[in-house]
Amino acid sequence: MEKSTRIASPSEVGEKKWFLIDASGKTLGRVSVEAARILRGKGKVCYTPHQDLGDYVVVINAEKVALTGNKMTDKMYYRHSGYPGGFKEERAKDIVERKPSILLMHAVKGMLPKNKLAKLYMTRLRVFAGSEHQHQAQSPMEIQVGGQHGA
């Protein structure tokens, strides 16, 4: 008797769902892990690493995300423009003030696989600084994330 692993095709999985995560007071890593898990589809029974079976994720209140310890003042983010002298460094606190969604996008991207699917997954991540978002029409299902900071 020969056994074989069943691999579901994306057409068999059905329509992609929308999920909402409220990041206010939650730790950055906890929110990012949950978002990456949903984007990849790891919670589904038919999960296959090489196929796109993930759903959409909307994260609100990105400006209220918490960092543990002294990370808000000590953690540095680096980038380079590609030109001589184009090296830039910025503290997490400054990023939250300038554009808070960058912090979450960076953390989630780091948790995704380093392949062509990662770019596709990132297109389905929507991060908003405040509590308002443009996806009420999709009626996203709210997900509770553990790890309340300071509680």
C-alpha atoms as a PDB file:
ATOM      1  CA  MET A   1       0.000   0.000   0.000  1.00  0.00           C
ATOM      2  CA  GLU A   2       1.510   3.256  -1.153  1.00  0.00           C
ATOM      3  CA  LYS A   3       0.977   6.363   0.946  1.00  0.00           C
ATOM      4  CA  SER A   4       1.152   9.835  -0.499  1.00  0.00           C
ATOM      5  CA  THR A   5       0.800  13.334   0.884  1.00  0.00           C
ATOM      6  CA  ARG A   6      -2.176  15.298  -0.373  1.00  0.00           C
ATOM      7  CA  ILE A   7      -1.289  18.804  -1.546  1.00  0.00           C
ATOM      8  CA  ALA A   8      -4.200  21.222  -1.864  1.00  0.00           C
ATOM      9  CA  SER A   9      -4.256  23.636  -4.765  1.00  0.00           C
ATOM     10  CA  PRO A  10      -5.113  27.311  -4.129  1.00  0.00           C
ATOM     11  CA  SER A  11      -8.404  26.861  -6.020  1.00  0.00           C
ATOM     12  CA  GLU A  12      -9.511  24.184  -3.540  1.00  0.00           C
ATOM     13  CA  VAL A  13      -8.845  26.423  -0.531  1.00  0.00           C
ATOM     14  CA  GLY A  14     -11.481  28.947  -1.546  1.00  0.00           C
ATOM     15  CA  GLU A  15     -11.835  32.666  -0.963  1.00  0.00           C
ATOM     16  CA  LYS A  16      -9.261  34.532   1.109  1.00  0.00           C
ATOM     17  CA  LYS A  17     -10.495  35.872   4.445  1.00  0.00           C
ATOM     18  CA  TRP A  18      -9.721  39.188   6.133  1.00  0.00           C
ATOM     19  CA  PHE A  19      -8.443  39.422   9.709  1.00  0.00           C
ATOM     20  CA  LEU A  20      -8.111  42.473  11.974  1.00  0.00           C
ATOM     21  CA  ILE A  21      -5.441  42.835  14.667  1.00  0.00           C
ATOM     22  CA  ASP A  22      -5.523  45.682  17.184  1.00  0.00           C
ATOM     23  CA  ALA A  23      -1.913  46.431  18.164  1.00  0.00           C
ATOM     24  CA  SER A  24      -2.605  48.953  20.932  1.00  0.00           C
ATOM     25  CA  GLY A  25      -0.614  47.996  24.030  1.00  0.00           C
ATOM     26  CA  LYS A  26       0.532  44.705  22.480  1.00  0.00           C
ATOM     27  CA  THR A  27       4.185  43.763  22.082  1.00  0.00           C
ATOM     28  CA  LEU A  28       5.617  44.263  18.585  1.00  0.00           C
ATOM     29  CA  GLY A  29       6.861  40.676  18.289  1.00  0.00           C
ATOM     30  CA  ARG A  30       3.559  39.097  19.366  1.00  0.00           C
ATOM     31  CA  VAL A  31       1.580  41.105  16.813  1.00  0.00           C
ATOM     32  CA  SER A  32       4.127  40.403  14.061  1.00  0.00           C
ATOM     33  CA  VAL A  33       4.169  36.641  14.691  1.00  0.00           C
ATOM     34  CA  GLU A  34       0.389  36.427  14.465  1.00  0.00           C
ATOM     35  CA  ALA A  35       0.280  38.556  11.296  1.00  0.00           C
ATOM     36  CA  ALA A  36       2.996  36.459   9.614  1.00  0.00           C
ATOM     37  CA  ARG A  37       1.208  33.222  10.562  1.00  0.00           C
ATOM     38  CA  ILE A  38      -2.057  34.398   8.976  1.00  0.00           C
ATOM     39  CA  LEU A  39      -0.323  35.784   5.861  1.00  0.00           C
ATOM     40  CA  ARG A  40       1.333  32.399   5.232  1.00  0.00           C
ATOM     41  CA  GLY A  41      -1.774  30.362   6.038  1.00  0.00           C
ATOM     42  CA  LYS A  42      -0.033  28.252   8.681  1.00  0.00           C
ATOM     43  CA  GLY A  43      -3.223  27.892  10.704  1.00  0.00           C
ATOM     44  CA  LYS A  44      -5.002  26.068   7.887  1.00  0.00           C
ATOM     45  CA  VAL A  45      -5.293  22.305   7.695  1.00  0.00           C
ATOM     46  CA  CYS A  46      -4.141  22.252   4.080  1.00  0.00           C
ATOM     47  CA  TYR A  47      -0.995  24.386   4.690  1.00  0.00           C
ATOM     48  CA  THR A  48       1.786  23.760   2.197  1.00  0.00           C
ATOM     49  CA  PRO A  49       5.033  25.783   2.451  1.00  0.00           C
ATOM     50  CA  HIS A  50       5.499  26.329  -1.281  1.00  0.00           C
ATOM     51  CA  GLN A  51       1.947  27.509  -2.027  1.00  0.00           C
ATOM     52  CA  ASP A  52       0.136  30.749  -1.339  1.00  0.00           C
ATOM     53  CA  LEU A  53      -2.739  29.795   0.964  1.00  0.00           C
ATOM     54  CA  GLY A  54      -2.647  32.822   3.296  1.00  0.00           C
ATOM     55  CA  ASP A  55      -5.231  35.487   4.047  1.00  0.00           C
ATOM     56  CA  TYR A  56      -5.342  39.277   4.367  1.00  0.00           C
ATOM     57  CA  VAL A  57      -4.312  41.034   7.597  1.00  0.00           C
ATOM     58  CA  VAL A  58      -5.297  44.539   8.702  1.00  0.00           C
ATOM     59  CA  VAL A  59      -3.373  45.918  11.694  1.00  0.00           C
ATOM     60  CA  ILE A  60      -4.723  49.028  13.423  1.00  0.00           C
ATOM     61  CA  ASN A  61      -3.233  51.258  16.151  1.00  0.00           C
ATOM     62  CA  ALA A  62       0.350  50.671  14.997  1.00  0.00           C
ATOM     63  CA  GLU A  63       1.409  53.856  16.789  1.00  0.00           C
ATOM     64  CA  LYS A  64       0.438  52.284  20.139  1.00  0.00           C
ATOM     65  CA  VAL A  65       2.508  49.107  19.728  1.00  0.00           C
ATOM     66  CA  ALA A  66       4.796  48.375  22.691  1.00  0.00           C
ATOM     67  CA  LEU A  67       8.476  47.519  22.758  1.00  0.00           C
ATOM     68  CA  THR A  68       9.874  45.844  25.878  1.00  0.00           C
ATOM     69  CA  GLY A  69      12.806  47.157  27.893  1.00  0.00           C
ATOM     70  CA  ASN A  70      14.707  50.125  26.460  1.00  0.00           C
ATOM     71  CA  LYS A  71      14.163  49.111  22.831  1.00  0.00           C
ATOM     72  CA  MET A  72      12.130  52.243  22.053  1.00  0.00           C
ATOM     73  CA  THR A  73      15.238  54.401  22.617  1.00  0.00           C
ATOM     74  CA  ASP A  74      18.063  51.887  22.005  1.00  0.00           C
ATOM     75  CA  LYS A  75      16.901  49.806  19.017  1.00  0.00           C
ATOM     76  CA  MET A  76      18.289  51.103  15.737  1.00  0.00           C
ATOM     77  CA  TYR A  77      17.015  50.526  12.205  1.00  0.00           C
ATOM     78  CA  TYR A  78      19.487  50.820   9.332  1.00  0.00           C
ATOM     79  CA  ARG A  79      19.111  51.387   5.599  1.00  0.00           C
ATOM     80  CA  HIS A  80      21.313  52.393   2.683  1.00  0.00           C
ATOM     81  CA  SER A  81      20.312  54.302  -0.439  1.00  0.00           C
ATOM     82  CA  GLY A  82      23.009  52.639  -2.547  1.00  0.00           C
ATOM     83  CA  TYR A  83      24.883  55.903  -3.061  1.00  0.00           C
ATOM     84  CA  PRO A  84      28.151  56.898  -1.358  1.00  0.00           C
ATOM     85  CA  GLY A  85      27.342  58.340   2.043  1.00  0.00           C
ATOM     86  CA  GLY A  86      23.791  56.993   1.808  1.00  0.00           C
ATOM     87  CA  PHE A  87      23.844  55.067   5.095  1.00  0.00           C
ATOM     88  CA  LYS A  88      20.967  56.067   7.408  1.00  0.00           C
ATOM     89  CA  GLU A  89      20.199  54.969  10.943  1.00  0.00           C
ATOM     90  CA  GLU A  90      17.102  55.748  12.970  1.00  0.00           C
ATOM     91  CA  ARG A  91      15.858  54.895  16.474  1.00  0.00           C
ATOM     92  CA  ALA A  92      12.590  53.003  16.932  1.00  0.00           C
ATOM     93  CA  LYS A  93      11.158  56.016  18.804  1.00  0.00           C
ATOM     94  CA  ASP A  94      11.795  58.283  15.795  1.00  0.00           C
ATOM     95  CA  ILE A  95      10.224  55.785  13.394  1.00  0.00           C
ATOM     96  CA  VAL A  96       7.083  55.591  15.551  1.00  0.00           C
ATOM     97  CA  GLU A  97       6.824  59.390  15.462  1.00  0.00           C
ATOM     98  CA  ARG A  98       7.496  59.651  11.705  1.00  0.00           C
ATOM     99  CA  LYS A  99       5.604  56.656  10.304  1.00  0.00           C
ATOM    100  CA  PRO A 100       4.560  53.964  12.821  1.00  0.00           C
ATOM    101  CA  SER A 101       3.522  51.421  10.188  1.00  0.00           C
ATOM    102  CA  ILE A 102       7.171  50.920   9.140  1.00  0.00           C
ATOM    103  CA  LEU A 103       7.998  49.254  12.467  1.00  0.00           C
ATOM    104  CA  LEU A 104       5.349  46.549  12.014  1.00  0.00           C
ATOM    105  CA  MET A 105       6.009  46.061   8.308  1.00  0.00           C
ATOM    106  CA  HIS A 106       9.727  45.551   9.006  1.00  0.00           C
ATOM    107  CA  ALA A 107       9.067  43.044  11.795  1.00  0.00           C
ATOM    108  CA  VAL A 108       6.554  40.991   9.768  1.00  0.00           C
ATOM    109  CA  LYS A 109       8.779  40.953   6.687  1.00  0.00           C
ATOM    110  CA  GLY A 110      11.620  39.537   8.777  1.00  0.00           C
ATOM    111  CA  MET A 111       9.367  36.645   9.859  1.00  0.00           C
ATOM    112  CA  LEU A 112       8.385  35.628   6.330  1.00  0.00           C
ATOM    113  CA  PRO A 113      10.405  33.241   4.149  1.00  0.00           C
ATOM    114  CA  LYS A 114      13.147  34.802   2.041  1.00  0.00           C
ATOM    115  CA  ASN A 115      11.680  33.881  -1.355  1.00  0.00           C
ATOM    116  CA  LYS A 116       9.304  35.131  -4.041  1.00  0.00           C
ATOM    117  CA  LEU A 117       6.248  34.417  -1.905  1.00  0.00           C
ATOM    118  CA  ALA A 118       7.319  36.962   0.741  1.00  0.00           C
ATOM    119  CA  LYS A 119       6.651  39.870  -1.618  1.00  0.00           C
ATOM    120  CA  LEU A 120       3.193  38.468  -2.361  1.00  0.00           C
ATOM    121  CA  TYR A 121       2.454  38.023   1.351  1.00  0.00           C
ATOM    122  CA  MET A 122       3.494  41.613   2.095  1.00  0.00           C
ATOM    123  CA  THR A 123       0.981  42.954  -0.428  1.00  0.00           C
ATOM    124  CA  ARG A 124      -1.772  41.466   1.742  1.00  0.00           C
ATOM    125  CA  LEU A 125      -0.613  43.197   4.928  1.00  0.00           C
ATOM    126  CA  ARG A 126      -2.324  46.530   5.625  1.00  0.00           C
ATOM    127  CA  VAL A 127      -1.018  48.566   8.568  1.00  0.00           C
ATOM    128  CA  PHE A 128      -2.722  51.713   9.869  1.00  0.00           C
ATOM    129  CA  ALA A 129      -1.353  54.087  12.523  1.00  0.00           C
ATOM    130  CA  GLY A 130      -4.741  54.927  14.043  1.00  0.00           C
ATOM    131  CA  SER A 131      -7.914  53.010  14.798  1.00  0.00           C
ATOM    132  CA  GLU A 132      -9.568  53.882  11.458  1.00  0.00           C
ATOM    133  CA  HIS A 133      -9.055  51.666   8.405  1.00  0.00           C
ATOM    134  CA  GLN A 134     -10.459  51.511   4.865  1.00  0.00           C
ATOM    135  CA  HIS A 135     -11.457  47.845   4.878  1.00  0.00           C
ATOM    136  CA  GLN A 136     -14.820  47.817   6.677  1.00  0.00           C
ATOM    137  CA  ALA A 137     -16.425  46.546   3.464  1.00  0.00           C
ATOM    138  CA  GLN A 138     -14.408  43.321   3.724  1.00  0.00           C
ATOM    139  CA  SER A 139     -15.751  42.853   7.302  1.00  0.00           C
ATOM    140  CA  PRO A 140     -12.496  41.552   8.796  1.00  0.00           C
ATOM    141  CA  MET A 141     -12.712  39.096  11.679  1.00  0.00           C
ATOM    142  CA  GLU A 142     -10.947  40.416  14.798  1.00  0.00           C
ATOM    143  CA  ILE A 143      -8.102  38.312  16.195  1.00  0.00           C
ATOM    144  CA  GLN A 144      -7.000  38.564  19.838  1.00  0.00           C
ATOM    145  CA  VAL A 145      -3.237  38.636  20.302  1.00  0.00           C
ATOM    146  CA  GLY A 146      -1.657  37.721  23.641  1.00  0.00           C
ATOM    147  CA  GLY A 147       1.198  39.552  25.314  1.00  0.00           C
ATOM    148  CA  GLN A 148      -0.368  42.728  26.705  1.00  0.00           C
ATOM    149  CA  HIS A 149       2.584  44.959  27.647  1.00  0.00           C
ATOM    150  CA  GLY A 150       2.528  46.228  31.200  1.00  0.00           C
ATOM    151  CA  ALA A 151      -0.315  43.951  32.341  1.00  0.00           C
END
